[in-house]
Amino acid sequence: MLLGALVLWRMIVGWAPSRDEYPVQGIVADASHGVLDWPMLAATGVDFAYIVATDGSKDRDPRFAANMAGAREAGVRFGPLHRYDLCRLASDQATLFITTVPRSDVALPTAVEFGFTKSCSSKPDRALVLSEVATFLSQIEAHLGKSAVLMLSPDFEEHYKLSSAIDRNVWLEKTWLLPDYAAKPWVMWTANPKREIEGVDEPVKWVVVRP
């Protein structure tokens, strides 16, 4: 039984969708993952990486610059990721992002992660949230010259319905199963939130791109 449980666990933590269905697959990386072995990640099938740059209006990820340089040197496509904070002004969050993330012609479109967190229990009115998100997006997109991708948790999307109000590509999350909770088809899917792979000591979000 122990052996069977171990085999099952290894299957779960190592699972990823078929490359035949989803040829382009990648990860989300931040400082919690420590120092990543980018050449190893590239060699073992990481096609792209979304690298956390900023969180709210005060926190810069200390590994952002190093991770961006490592991904570039290893030939892994990369894009910045901002974790949106409902308890912070959009303009302050945009200022932090703009002063952290340099403009790059080779970078992927910015991903903006929306979800409820323990550090922010507030749930503002939908109209206010939509206005603030529009402000944030207009400022960071003007800086980088590309439309952002909205990474929507199921509970956040159910509460605010961003996908029906803001015309951007969406990135959805659902462990092992295809997500269908947005108002439009997803372009990216977090298929395994804790996949173990060579090149990084901690489990990572494993993400696929719709062909």
N, C-alpha and C. Protein backbone atom coordinates (compact mmCIF):
# COMPACT_ATOMS: atom_id res chain seq x y z
N MET A 1 0.81 -1.21 0.00
CA MET A 1 0.00 0.00 0.00
C MET A 1 0.85 1.27 0.00
N LEU A 2 1.93 1.22 0.81
CA LEU A 2 2.83 2.38 0.87
C LEU A 2 3.48 2.63 -0.48
N LEU A 3 3.88 1.54 -1.13
CA LEU A 3 4.50 1.68 -2.44
C LEU A 3 3.50 2.24 -3.45
N GLY A 4 2.26 1.76 -3.39
CA GLY A 4 1.23 2.26 -4.30
C GLY A 4 0.93 3.72 -4.06
N ALA A 5 0.89 4.12 -2.78
CA ALA A 5 0.63 5.52 -2.44
C ALA A 5 1.76 6.40 -2.93
N LEU A 6 3.00 5.90 -2.81
CA LEU A 6 4.16 6.67 -3.27
C LEU A 6 4.13 6.85 -4.78
N VAL A 7 3.78 5.80 -5.50
CA VAL A 7 3.70 5.89 -6.96
C VAL A 7 2.61 6.87 -7.37
N LEU A 8 1.46 6.80 -6.69
CA LEU A 8 0.36 7.72 -6.99
C LEU A 8 0.77 9.16 -6.72
N TRP A 9 1.45 9.38 -5.60
CA TRP A 9 1.88 10.74 -5.26
C TRP A 9 2.86 11.28 -6.30
N ARG A 10 3.79 10.43 -6.75
CA ARG A 10 4.75 10.87 -7.76
C ARG A 10 4.03 11.21 -9.06
N MET A 11 2.99 10.46 -9.40
CA MET A 11 2.22 10.76 -10.60
C MET A 11 1.52 12.10 -10.48
N ILE A 12 0.98 12.38 -9.28
CA ILE A 12 0.24 13.63 -9.06
C ILE A 12 1.18 14.82 -9.15
N VAL A 13 2.29 14.80 -8.44
CA VAL A 13 3.19 15.96 -8.39
C VAL A 13 3.95 16.13 -9.70
N GLY A 14 4.02 15.07 -10.50
CA GLY A 14 4.74 15.17 -11.76
C GLY A 14 3.85 15.35 -12.97
N TRP A 15 2.52 15.40 -12.75
CA TRP A 15 1.59 15.41 -13.89
C TRP A 15 1.59 16.73 -14.63
N ALA A 16 1.50 16.62 -15.95
CA ALA A 16 1.29 17.78 -16.83
C ALA A 16 0.45 17.32 -18.01
N PRO A 17 -0.32 18.23 -18.62
CA PRO A 17 -1.10 17.86 -19.80
C PRO A 17 -0.20 17.39 -20.94
N SER A 18 -0.78 16.63 -21.85
CA SER A 18 -0.04 16.09 -22.97
C SER A 18 0.53 17.19 -23.86
N ARG A 19 1.77 16.98 -24.28
CA ARG A 19 2.39 17.92 -25.22
C ARG A 19 1.73 17.85 -26.60
N ASP A 20 1.10 16.73 -26.90
CA ASP A 20 0.40 16.62 -28.18
C ASP A 20 -0.76 17.61 -28.23
N GLU A 21 -1.44 17.79 -27.10
CA GLU A 21 -2.56 18.73 -27.03
C GLU A 21 -2.11 20.15 -26.76
N TYR A 22 -1.10 20.29 -25.92
CA TYR A 22 -0.63 21.61 -25.51
C TYR A 22 0.89 21.67 -25.65
N PRO A 23 1.38 22.01 -26.83
CA PRO A 23 2.82 21.99 -27.09
C PRO A 23 3.62 22.98 -26.26
N VAL A 24 3.01 24.11 -25.88
CA VAL A 24 3.74 25.16 -25.17
C VAL A 24 3.34 25.16 -23.70
N GLN A 25 4.34 24.90 -22.82
CA GLN A 25 4.07 24.78 -21.40
C GLN A 25 5.16 25.48 -20.61
N GLY A 26 4.79 25.99 -19.42
CA GLY A 26 5.77 26.75 -18.65
C GLY A 26 5.41 26.84 -17.18
N ILE A 27 6.05 27.79 -16.48
CA ILE A 27 5.94 27.88 -15.03
C ILE A 27 5.71 29.32 -14.58
N VAL A 28 5.37 29.45 -13.30
CA VAL A 28 5.39 30.74 -12.60
C VAL A 28 6.52 30.65 -11.57
N ALA A 29 7.37 31.68 -11.52
CA ALA A 29 8.52 31.66 -10.61
C ALA A 29 8.54 32.92 -9.77
N ASP A 30 8.92 32.76 -8.49
CA ASP A 30 9.12 33.91 -7.62
C ASP A 30 10.23 33.60 -6.61
N ALA A 31 10.44 34.51 -5.68
CA ALA A 31 11.55 34.37 -4.74
C ALA A 31 11.42 33.14 -3.85
N SER A 32 10.19 32.66 -3.64
CA SER A 32 10.00 31.49 -2.78
C SER A 32 10.64 30.23 -3.35
N HIS A 33 10.94 30.26 -4.64
CA HIS A 33 11.55 29.10 -5.28
C HIS A 33 13.07 29.10 -5.18
N GLY A 34 13.63 30.13 -4.58
CA GLY A 34 15.08 30.18 -4.43
C GLY A 34 15.79 30.45 -5.75
N VAL A 35 17.02 29.94 -5.85
CA VAL A 35 17.82 30.11 -7.06
C VAL A 35 17.47 29.00 -8.04
N LEU A 36 16.92 29.37 -9.18
CA LEU A 36 16.50 28.39 -10.18
C LEU A 36 17.65 28.05 -11.12
N ASP A 37 17.68 26.80 -11.54
CA ASP A 37 18.65 26.35 -12.54
C ASP A 37 18.00 26.51 -13.91
N TRP A 38 18.12 27.69 -14.50
CA TRP A 38 17.42 27.98 -15.74
C TRP A 38 17.85 27.09 -16.91
N PRO A 39 19.13 26.79 -17.10
CA PRO A 39 19.49 25.86 -18.18
C PRO A 39 18.83 24.49 -18.03
N MET A 40 18.75 24.00 -16.78
CA MET A 40 18.08 22.72 -16.53
C MET A 40 16.59 22.82 -16.84
N LEU A 41 15.96 23.91 -16.43
CA LEU A 41 14.54 24.10 -16.71
C LEU A 41 14.28 24.12 -18.21
N ALA A 42 15.14 24.81 -18.94
CA ALA A 42 14.99 24.87 -20.40
C ALA A 42 15.15 23.48 -21.02
N ALA A 43 16.09 22.72 -20.49
CA ALA A 43 16.37 21.39 -21.04
C ALA A 43 15.28 20.39 -20.74
N THR A 44 14.51 20.62 -19.68
CA THR A 44 13.48 19.66 -19.28
C THR A 44 12.07 20.09 -19.65
N GLY A 45 11.95 21.07 -20.55
CA GLY A 45 10.64 21.34 -21.12
C GLY A 45 9.92 22.59 -20.69
N VAL A 46 10.61 23.50 -19.99
CA VAL A 46 9.98 24.78 -19.65
C VAL A 46 10.15 25.72 -20.84
N ASP A 47 9.07 25.97 -21.54
CA ASP A 47 9.10 26.82 -22.73
C ASP A 47 9.05 28.31 -22.38
N PHE A 48 8.39 28.64 -21.27
CA PHE A 48 8.26 30.04 -20.87
C PHE A 48 8.12 30.11 -19.36
N ALA A 49 8.34 31.30 -18.83
CA ALA A 49 8.18 31.51 -17.39
C ALA A 49 7.55 32.86 -17.15
N TYR A 50 6.54 32.89 -16.31
CA TYR A 50 6.03 34.16 -15.80
C TYR A 50 6.72 34.39 -14.46
N ILE A 51 7.39 35.53 -14.37
CA ILE A 51 8.25 35.83 -13.23
C ILE A 51 7.60 36.94 -12.41
N VAL A 52 7.34 36.64 -11.14
CA VAL A 52 6.70 37.62 -10.28
C VAL A 52 7.63 38.82 -10.11
N ALA A 53 7.09 40.00 -10.39
CA ALA A 53 7.85 41.24 -10.26
C ALA A 53 7.43 42.04 -9.04
N THR A 54 6.11 42.21 -8.88
CA THR A 54 5.59 43.07 -7.82
C THR A 54 4.32 42.49 -7.22
N ASP A 55 4.06 42.92 -5.99
CA ASP A 55 2.87 42.46 -5.25
C ASP A 55 2.28 43.68 -4.56
N GLY A 56 1.09 44.08 -4.98
CA GLY A 56 0.47 45.25 -4.39
C GLY A 56 1.21 46.53 -4.75
N SER A 57 1.34 47.42 -3.76
CA SER A 57 1.98 48.72 -4.02
C SER A 57 3.31 48.89 -3.31
N LYS A 58 3.75 47.86 -2.58
CA LYS A 58 4.97 48.02 -1.79
C LYS A 58 6.03 46.95 -2.02
N ASP A 59 5.63 45.77 -2.44
CA ASP A 59 6.56 44.64 -2.45
C ASP A 59 7.11 44.32 -3.84
N ARG A 60 8.41 44.44 -3.96
CA ARG A 60 9.12 43.98 -5.15
C ARG A 60 9.69 42.61 -4.87
N ASP A 61 9.56 41.68 -5.82
CA ASP A 61 10.13 40.37 -5.63
C ASP A 61 11.66 40.48 -5.74
N PRO A 62 12.40 40.07 -4.71
CA PRO A 62 13.85 40.26 -4.72
C PRO A 62 14.58 39.43 -5.77
N ARG A 63 13.92 38.43 -6.34
CA ARG A 63 14.57 37.58 -7.34
C ARG A 63 14.15 37.95 -8.76
N PHE A 64 13.35 39.00 -8.92
CA PHE A 64 12.82 39.31 -10.25
C PHE A 64 13.92 39.54 -11.29
N ALA A 65 14.82 40.44 -11.01
CA ALA A 65 15.86 40.77 -11.99
C ALA A 65 16.73 39.56 -12.31
N ALA A 66 17.11 38.81 -11.27
CA ALA A 66 17.95 37.63 -11.48
C ALA A 66 17.21 36.56 -12.27
N ASN A 67 15.93 36.36 -11.96
CA ASN A 67 15.15 35.36 -12.70
C ASN A 67 14.96 35.78 -14.15
N MET A 68 14.71 37.05 -14.39
CA MET A 68 14.54 37.52 -15.75
C MET A 68 15.83 37.32 -16.56
N ALA A 69 16.97 37.66 -15.96
CA ALA A 69 18.25 37.47 -16.65
C ALA A 69 18.55 36.00 -16.88
N GLY A 70 18.25 35.16 -15.89
CA GLY A 70 18.50 33.73 -16.04
C GLY A 70 17.65 33.10 -17.12
N ALA A 71 16.38 33.50 -17.18
CA ALA A 71 15.50 32.97 -18.22
C ALA A 71 15.98 33.40 -19.60
N ARG A 72 16.35 34.66 -19.73
CA ARG A 72 16.81 35.17 -21.03
C ARG A 72 18.07 34.42 -21.49
N GLU A 73 19.02 34.24 -20.59
CA GLU A 73 20.27 33.58 -20.95
C GLU A 73 20.05 32.12 -21.32
N ALA A 74 19.04 31.48 -20.72
CA ALA A 74 18.77 30.07 -21.01
C ALA A 74 17.87 29.88 -22.22
N GLY A 75 17.39 30.97 -22.81
CA GLY A 75 16.51 30.87 -23.96
C GLY A 75 15.07 30.55 -23.61
N VAL A 76 14.69 30.81 -22.35
CA VAL A 76 13.31 30.60 -21.92
C VAL A 76 12.56 31.91 -22.06
N ARG A 77 11.46 31.90 -22.80
CA ARG A 77 10.66 33.12 -22.93
C ARG A 77 10.10 33.51 -21.57
N PHE A 78 10.00 34.80 -21.31
CA PHE A 78 9.60 35.25 -19.99
C PHE A 78 8.66 36.45 -20.07
N GLY A 79 7.87 36.60 -19.02
CA GLY A 79 7.00 37.76 -18.89
C GLY A 79 6.87 38.12 -17.43
N PRO A 80 6.60 39.39 -17.10
CA PRO A 80 6.43 39.80 -15.71
C PRO A 80 5.02 39.51 -15.20
N LEU A 81 4.93 39.32 -13.89
CA LEU A 81 3.64 39.06 -13.27
C LEU A 81 3.47 39.99 -12.06
N HIS A 82 2.31 40.62 -11.98
CA HIS A 82 1.96 41.47 -10.83
C HIS A 82 0.80 40.84 -10.08
N ARG A 83 0.92 40.80 -8.75
CA ARG A 83 -0.17 40.30 -7.91
C ARG A 83 -0.98 41.51 -7.42
N TYR A 84 -2.20 41.60 -7.93
CA TYR A 84 -3.05 42.76 -7.64
C TYR A 84 -3.60 42.67 -6.22
N ASP A 85 -3.61 43.82 -5.53
CA ASP A 85 -4.06 43.89 -4.15
C ASP A 85 -5.29 44.81 -4.07
N LEU A 86 -6.43 44.25 -3.68
CA LEU A 86 -7.66 45.03 -3.57
C LEU A 86 -7.57 46.12 -2.50
N CYS A 87 -6.64 46.00 -1.58
CA CYS A 87 -6.51 46.97 -0.50
C CYS A 87 -5.56 48.11 -0.83
N ARG A 88 -5.04 48.16 -2.04
CA ARG A 88 -4.10 49.21 -2.42
C ARG A 88 -4.63 49.96 -3.64
N LEU A 89 -4.31 51.25 -3.72
CA LEU A 89 -4.74 52.05 -4.87
C LEU A 89 -4.09 51.54 -6.15
N ALA A 90 -4.87 51.54 -7.20
CA ALA A 90 -4.36 51.08 -8.50
C ALA A 90 -3.17 51.90 -8.97
N SER A 91 -3.24 53.21 -8.78
CA SER A 91 -2.15 54.08 -9.26
C SER A 91 -0.85 53.80 -8.51
N ASP A 92 -0.94 53.49 -7.22
CA ASP A 92 0.25 53.16 -6.45
C ASP A 92 0.84 51.82 -6.91
N GLN A 93 -0.02 50.86 -7.20
CA GLN A 93 0.45 49.56 -7.69
C GLN A 93 1.10 49.72 -9.06
N ALA A 94 0.51 50.54 -9.91
CA ALA A 94 1.07 50.77 -11.24
C ALA A 94 2.44 51.44 -11.15
N THR A 95 2.58 52.39 -10.23
CA THR A 95 3.87 53.07 -10.05
C THR A 95 4.95 52.09 -9.65
N LEU A 96 4.63 51.21 -8.70
CA LEU A 96 5.61 50.20 -8.28
C LEU A 96 6.00 49.30 -9.44
N PHE A 97 5.00 48.85 -10.19
CA PHE A 97 5.27 47.96 -11.32
C PHE A 97 6.14 48.65 -12.37
N ILE A 98 5.77 49.87 -12.74
CA ILE A 98 6.48 50.59 -13.79
C ILE A 98 7.93 50.88 -13.40
N THR A 99 8.16 51.14 -12.13
CA THR A 99 9.52 51.42 -11.68
C THR A 99 10.33 50.15 -11.41
N THR A 100 9.69 49.00 -11.54
CA THR A 100 10.38 47.72 -11.32
C THR A 100 10.65 46.99 -12.62
N VAL A 101 9.71 47.05 -13.54
CA VAL A 101 9.77 46.24 -14.76
C VAL A 101 10.20 47.11 -15.95
N PRO A 102 11.34 46.82 -16.55
CA PRO A 102 11.78 47.59 -17.72
C PRO A 102 11.00 47.19 -18.96
N ARG A 103 10.85 48.13 -19.87
CA ARG A 103 10.20 47.81 -21.14
C ARG A 103 11.11 46.87 -21.93
N SER A 104 10.50 45.86 -22.55
CA SER A 104 11.28 44.87 -23.31
C SER A 104 10.47 44.42 -24.52
N ASP A 105 11.11 44.47 -25.67
CA ASP A 105 10.43 44.04 -26.89
C ASP A 105 10.28 42.52 -26.96
N VAL A 106 11.08 41.79 -26.18
CA VAL A 106 11.04 40.33 -26.26
C VAL A 106 10.20 39.71 -25.14
N ALA A 107 9.81 40.49 -24.16
CA ALA A 107 9.04 39.95 -23.04
C ALA A 107 7.62 39.59 -23.47
N LEU A 108 7.06 38.59 -22.83
CA LEU A 108 5.66 38.22 -23.03
C LEU A 108 4.77 39.30 -22.41
N PRO A 109 3.49 39.33 -22.80
CA PRO A 109 2.57 40.30 -22.17
C PRO A 109 2.53 40.10 -20.66
N THR A 110 2.38 41.19 -19.95
CA THR A 110 2.29 41.13 -18.49
C THR A 110 1.08 40.32 -18.05
N ALA A 111 1.25 39.52 -17.01
CA ALA A 111 0.13 38.83 -16.37
C ALA A 111 -0.19 39.54 -15.07
N VAL A 112 -1.48 39.74 -14.81
CA VAL A 112 -1.93 40.36 -13.56
C VAL A 112 -2.78 39.34 -12.83
N GLU A 113 -2.35 38.96 -11.63
CA GLU A 113 -3.02 37.92 -10.87
C GLU A 113 -4.07 38.54 -9.94
N PHE A 114 -5.30 38.05 -10.04
CA PHE A 114 -6.40 38.52 -9.21
C PHE A 114 -6.92 37.38 -8.36
N GLY A 115 -6.93 37.59 -7.05
CA GLY A 115 -7.44 36.59 -6.14
C GLY A 115 -7.63 37.19 -4.76
N PHE A 116 -8.40 36.55 -3.92
CA PHE A 116 -8.58 37.00 -2.55
C PHE A 116 -7.44 36.45 -1.70
N THR A 117 -6.94 37.27 -0.80
CA THR A 117 -5.81 36.87 0.05
C THR A 117 -6.13 37.14 1.51
N LYS A 118 -5.40 36.47 2.40
CA LYS A 118 -5.59 36.66 3.83
C LYS A 118 -5.15 38.05 4.27
N SER A 119 -4.21 38.64 3.54
CA SER A 119 -3.68 39.95 3.92
C SER A 119 -4.63 41.10 3.57
N CYS A 120 -5.65 40.80 2.76
CA CYS A 120 -6.63 41.82 2.38
C CYS A 120 -8.02 41.21 2.41
N SER A 121 -8.75 41.50 3.46
CA SER A 121 -10.09 40.93 3.62
C SER A 121 -11.17 41.77 2.96
N SER A 122 -10.80 42.94 2.47
CA SER A 122 -11.77 43.85 1.86
C SER A 122 -12.30 43.31 0.53
N LYS A 123 -13.59 43.54 0.30
CA LYS A 123 -14.21 43.22 -0.98
C LYS A 123 -14.99 44.44 -1.46
N PRO A 124 -14.29 45.39 -2.10
CA PRO A 124 -14.95 46.63 -2.53
C PRO A 124 -16.06 46.37 -3.54
N ASP A 125 -16.87 47.39 -3.75
CA ASP A 125 -17.94 47.34 -4.74
C ASP A 125 -17.36 47.03 -6.12
N ARG A 126 -18.12 46.26 -6.91
CA ARG A 126 -17.64 45.84 -8.23
C ARG A 126 -17.31 47.03 -9.12
N ALA A 127 -18.15 48.05 -9.12
CA ALA A 127 -17.91 49.21 -9.97
C ALA A 127 -16.58 49.88 -9.63
N LEU A 128 -16.28 49.97 -8.34
CA LEU A 128 -15.00 50.56 -7.92
C LEU A 128 -13.83 49.70 -8.35
N VAL A 129 -13.97 48.39 -8.19
CA VAL A 129 -12.88 47.49 -8.58
C VAL A 129 -12.63 47.57 -10.08
N LEU A 130 -13.69 47.57 -10.88
CA LEU A 130 -13.52 47.65 -12.33
C LEU A 130 -12.84 48.96 -12.73
N SER A 131 -13.20 50.05 -12.06
CA SER A 131 -12.58 51.34 -12.36
C SER A 131 -11.11 51.33 -12.00
N GLU A 132 -10.78 50.78 -10.83
CA GLU A 132 -9.39 50.73 -10.38
C GLU A 132 -8.55 49.81 -11.28
N VAL A 133 -9.11 48.68 -11.64
CA VAL A 133 -8.37 47.75 -12.51
C VAL A 133 -8.12 48.40 -13.87
N ALA A 134 -9.11 49.11 -14.40
CA ALA A 134 -8.92 49.81 -15.67
C ALA A 134 -7.80 50.84 -15.57
N THR A 135 -7.73 51.54 -14.46
CA THR A 135 -6.66 52.51 -14.24
C THR A 135 -5.30 51.83 -14.22
N PHE A 136 -5.21 50.75 -13.47
CA PHE A 136 -3.95 50.01 -13.38
C PHE A 136 -3.51 49.51 -14.75
N LEU A 137 -4.43 48.89 -15.48
CA LEU A 137 -4.08 48.33 -16.78
C LEU A 137 -3.65 49.41 -17.77
N SER A 138 -4.34 50.53 -17.78
CA SER A 138 -3.99 51.58 -18.74
C SER A 138 -2.59 52.10 -18.49
N GLN A 139 -2.19 52.19 -17.24
CA GLN A 139 -0.86 52.72 -16.92
C GLN A 139 0.25 51.72 -17.24
N ILE A 140 0.07 50.46 -16.86
CA ILE A 140 1.15 49.51 -17.12
C ILE A 140 1.23 49.16 -18.62
N GLU A 141 0.10 49.15 -19.29
CA GLU A 141 0.12 48.84 -20.73
C GLU A 141 0.73 49.98 -21.53
N ALA A 142 0.52 51.20 -21.09
CA ALA A 142 1.17 52.33 -21.75
C ALA A 142 2.68 52.25 -21.57
N HIS A 143 3.12 51.76 -20.42
CA HIS A 143 4.55 51.61 -20.14
C HIS A 143 5.18 50.51 -20.99
N LEU A 144 4.52 49.37 -21.10
CA LEU A 144 5.11 48.22 -21.78
C LEU A 144 4.69 48.07 -23.23
N GLY A 145 3.61 48.74 -23.62
CA GLY A 145 3.19 48.69 -25.02
C GLY A 145 2.49 47.41 -25.43
N LYS A 146 1.99 46.64 -24.44
CA LYS A 146 1.30 45.39 -24.75
C LYS A 146 0.11 45.23 -23.81
N SER A 147 -0.96 44.62 -24.31
CA SER A 147 -2.11 44.34 -23.46
C SER A 147 -1.77 43.23 -22.46
N ALA A 148 -2.30 43.36 -21.27
CA ALA A 148 -2.02 42.39 -20.21
C ALA A 148 -2.96 41.18 -20.32
N VAL A 149 -2.59 40.12 -19.61
CA VAL A 149 -3.40 38.92 -19.47
C VAL A 149 -3.92 38.90 -18.03
N LEU A 150 -5.21 38.60 -17.86
CA LEU A 150 -5.81 38.57 -16.53
C LEU A 150 -5.81 37.15 -15.99
N MET A 151 -5.07 36.93 -14.92
CA MET A 151 -5.01 35.63 -14.25
C MET A 151 -6.06 35.64 -13.14
N LEU A 152 -7.15 34.91 -13.33
CA LEU A 152 -8.32 35.02 -12.47
C LEU A 152 -8.54 33.75 -11.65
N SER A 153 -8.56 33.89 -10.33
CA SER A 153 -8.93 32.76 -9.50
C SER A 153 -10.43 32.52 -9.62
N PRO A 154 -10.90 31.31 -9.39
CA PRO A 154 -12.34 31.03 -9.54
C PRO A 154 -13.22 31.89 -8.64
N ASP A 155 -12.83 32.07 -7.37
CA ASP A 155 -13.69 32.84 -6.46
C ASP A 155 -13.68 34.32 -6.79
N PHE A 156 -12.55 34.85 -7.24
CA PHE A 156 -12.49 36.25 -7.62
C PHE A 156 -13.35 36.51 -8.86
N GLU A 157 -13.25 35.63 -9.83
CA GLU A 157 -14.05 35.79 -11.05
C GLU A 157 -15.54 35.65 -10.76
N GLU A 158 -15.90 34.73 -9.88
CA GLU A 158 -17.31 34.56 -9.53
C GLU A 158 -17.86 35.83 -8.88
N HIS A 159 -17.04 36.48 -8.04
CA HIS A 159 -17.50 37.65 -7.31
C HIS A 159 -17.55 38.91 -8.17
N TYR A 160 -16.49 39.11 -9.01
CA TYR A 160 -16.38 40.37 -9.75
C TYR A 160 -16.63 40.26 -11.26
N LYS A 161 -16.57 39.05 -11.79
CA LYS A 161 -16.85 38.85 -13.22
C LYS A 161 -16.01 39.79 -14.10
N LEU A 162 -14.71 39.79 -13.87
CA LEU A 162 -13.81 40.64 -14.64
C LEU A 162 -13.79 40.28 -16.12
N SER A 163 -13.90 38.98 -16.40
CA SER A 163 -13.74 38.53 -17.79
C SER A 163 -14.85 39.05 -18.70
N SER A 164 -16.00 39.38 -18.13
CA SER A 164 -17.09 39.90 -18.96
C SER A 164 -17.07 41.42 -19.05
N ALA A 165 -16.29 42.07 -18.18
CA ALA A 165 -16.29 43.52 -18.14
C ALA A 165 -15.03 44.14 -18.74
N ILE A 166 -13.93 43.39 -18.74
CA ILE A 166 -12.66 43.92 -19.22
C ILE A 166 -12.18 43.05 -20.38
N ASP A 167 -11.96 43.68 -21.52
CA ASP A 167 -11.64 42.94 -22.74
C ASP A 167 -10.15 42.63 -22.81
N ARG A 168 -9.77 41.55 -22.13
CA ARG A 168 -8.40 41.07 -22.15
C ARG A 168 -8.42 39.54 -22.21
N ASN A 169 -7.33 38.97 -22.66
CA ASN A 169 -7.19 37.52 -22.59
C ASN A 169 -7.16 37.08 -21.13
N VAL A 170 -7.67 35.86 -20.89
CA VAL A 170 -7.74 35.39 -19.51
C VAL A 170 -6.91 34.11 -19.32
N TRP A 171 -6.41 34.00 -18.10
CA TRP A 171 -5.61 32.86 -17.65
C TRP A 171 -6.36 32.28 -16.46
N LEU A 172 -6.80 31.03 -16.57
CA LEU A 172 -7.64 30.41 -15.54
C LEU A 172 -6.89 29.29 -14.82
N GLU A 173 -7.47 28.88 -13.69
CA GLU A 173 -6.84 27.87 -12.85
C GLU A 173 -7.82 26.75 -12.52
N LYS A 174 -7.38 25.52 -12.71
CA LYS A 174 -8.17 24.38 -12.24
C LYS A 174 -7.26 23.16 -12.27
N THR A 175 -7.08 22.54 -11.13
CA THR A 175 -6.13 21.44 -11.01
C THR A 175 -6.58 20.23 -11.80
N TRP A 176 -5.81 19.88 -12.81
CA TRP A 176 -5.98 18.68 -13.65
C TRP A 176 -7.17 18.71 -14.59
N LEU A 177 -8.12 19.59 -14.38
CA LEU A 177 -9.33 19.62 -15.21
C LEU A 177 -9.43 20.95 -15.95
N LEU A 178 -10.03 20.93 -17.13
CA LEU A 178 -10.15 22.14 -17.92
C LEU A 178 -11.08 23.15 -17.23
N PRO A 179 -10.65 24.39 -17.08
CA PRO A 179 -11.48 25.40 -16.43
C PRO A 179 -12.50 26.00 -17.39
N ASP A 180 -13.65 26.39 -16.86
CA ASP A 180 -14.70 26.95 -17.72
C ASP A 180 -15.51 28.02 -16.98
N TYR A 181 -14.89 28.72 -16.03
CA TYR A 181 -15.66 29.63 -15.18
C TYR A 181 -15.61 31.09 -15.63
N ALA A 182 -14.96 31.38 -16.75
CA ALA A 182 -14.91 32.76 -17.23
C ALA A 182 -15.93 32.97 -18.35
N ALA A 183 -16.12 34.24 -18.72
CA ALA A 183 -17.10 34.57 -19.76
C ALA A 183 -16.54 34.38 -21.16
N LYS A 184 -15.27 34.02 -21.26
CA LYS A 184 -14.63 33.81 -22.56
C LYS A 184 -13.65 32.65 -22.44
N PRO A 185 -13.26 32.04 -23.56
CA PRO A 185 -12.29 30.94 -23.50
C PRO A 185 -10.94 31.42 -22.97
N TRP A 186 -10.29 30.56 -22.20
CA TRP A 186 -8.97 30.91 -21.66
C TRP A 186 -7.89 30.77 -22.73
N VAL A 187 -6.83 31.55 -22.56
CA VAL A 187 -5.65 31.40 -23.42
C VAL A 187 -4.53 30.69 -22.67
N MET A 188 -4.59 30.73 -21.32
CA MET A 188 -3.62 30.02 -20.49
C MET A 188 -4.34 29.34 -19.35
N TRP A 189 -3.77 28.23 -18.90
CA TRP A 189 -4.41 27.41 -17.87
C TRP A 189 -3.35 26.88 -16.91
N THR A 190 -3.53 27.17 -15.61
CA THR A 190 -2.70 26.55 -14.58
C THR A 190 -3.27 25.17 -14.33
N ALA A 191 -2.60 24.16 -14.88
CA ALA A 191 -3.12 22.80 -14.84
C ALA A 191 -2.69 22.03 -13.60
N ASN A 192 -1.53 22.36 -13.08
CA ASN A 192 -1.02 21.72 -11.87
C ASN A 192 -0.36 22.80 -11.01
N PRO A 193 -0.98 23.15 -9.87
CA PRO A 193 -0.45 24.26 -9.08
C PRO A 193 0.81 23.94 -8.29
N LYS A 194 1.15 22.65 -8.19
CA LYS A 194 2.32 22.26 -7.40
C LYS A 194 3.07 21.12 -8.07
N ARG A 195 3.57 21.41 -9.26
CA ARG A 195 4.32 20.38 -9.98
C ARG A 195 5.79 20.40 -9.56
N GLU A 196 6.35 19.23 -9.36
CA GLU A 196 7.77 19.11 -9.03
C GLU A 196 8.55 18.81 -10.29
N ILE A 197 9.57 19.63 -10.56
CA ILE A 197 10.38 19.47 -11.75
C ILE A 197 11.85 19.69 -11.41
N GLU A 198 12.73 19.19 -12.27
CA GLU A 198 14.15 19.41 -12.09
C GLU A 198 14.50 20.87 -12.38
N GLY A 199 15.42 21.41 -11.59
CA GLY A 199 15.85 22.77 -11.80
C GLY A 199 15.33 23.74 -10.77
N VAL A 200 14.39 23.27 -9.93
CA VAL A 200 13.84 24.12 -8.87
C VAL A 200 13.48 23.23 -7.69
N ASP A 201 13.84 23.68 -6.49
CA ASP A 201 13.67 22.84 -5.31
C ASP A 201 12.23 22.77 -4.82
N GLU A 202 11.45 23.83 -5.07
CA GLU A 202 10.07 23.88 -4.59
C GLU A 202 9.09 23.61 -5.73
N PRO A 203 7.90 23.10 -5.43
CA PRO A 203 6.88 22.90 -6.47
C PRO A 203 6.50 24.23 -7.13
N VAL A 204 6.17 24.17 -8.40
CA VAL A 204 5.82 25.37 -9.16
C VAL A 204 4.44 25.22 -9.80
N LYS A 205 3.83 26.35 -10.10
CA LYS A 205 2.62 26.33 -10.92
C LYS A 205 3.02 25.94 -12.34
N TRP A 206 2.34 24.93 -12.89
CA TRP A 206 2.61 24.48 -14.25
C TRP A 206 1.48 24.97 -15.15
N VAL A 207 1.85 25.69 -16.19
CA VAL A 207 0.89 26.43 -17.01
C VAL A 207 1.00 26.00 -18.47
N VAL A 208 -0.14 25.90 -19.14
CA VAL A 208 -0.13 25.57 -20.57
C VAL A 208 -0.82 26.67 -21.35
N VAL A 209 -0.48 26.77 -22.62
CA VAL A 209 -1.07 27.75 -23.53
C VAL A 209 -2.03 27.04 -24.47
N ARG A 210 -3.20 27.63 -24.68
CA ARG A 210 -4.14 27.03 -25.62
C ARG A 210 -3.54 27.13 -27.04
N PRO A 211 -3.51 26.02 -27.79
CA PRO A 211 -2.92 26.05 -29.14
C PRO A 211 -3.67 27.02 -30.06
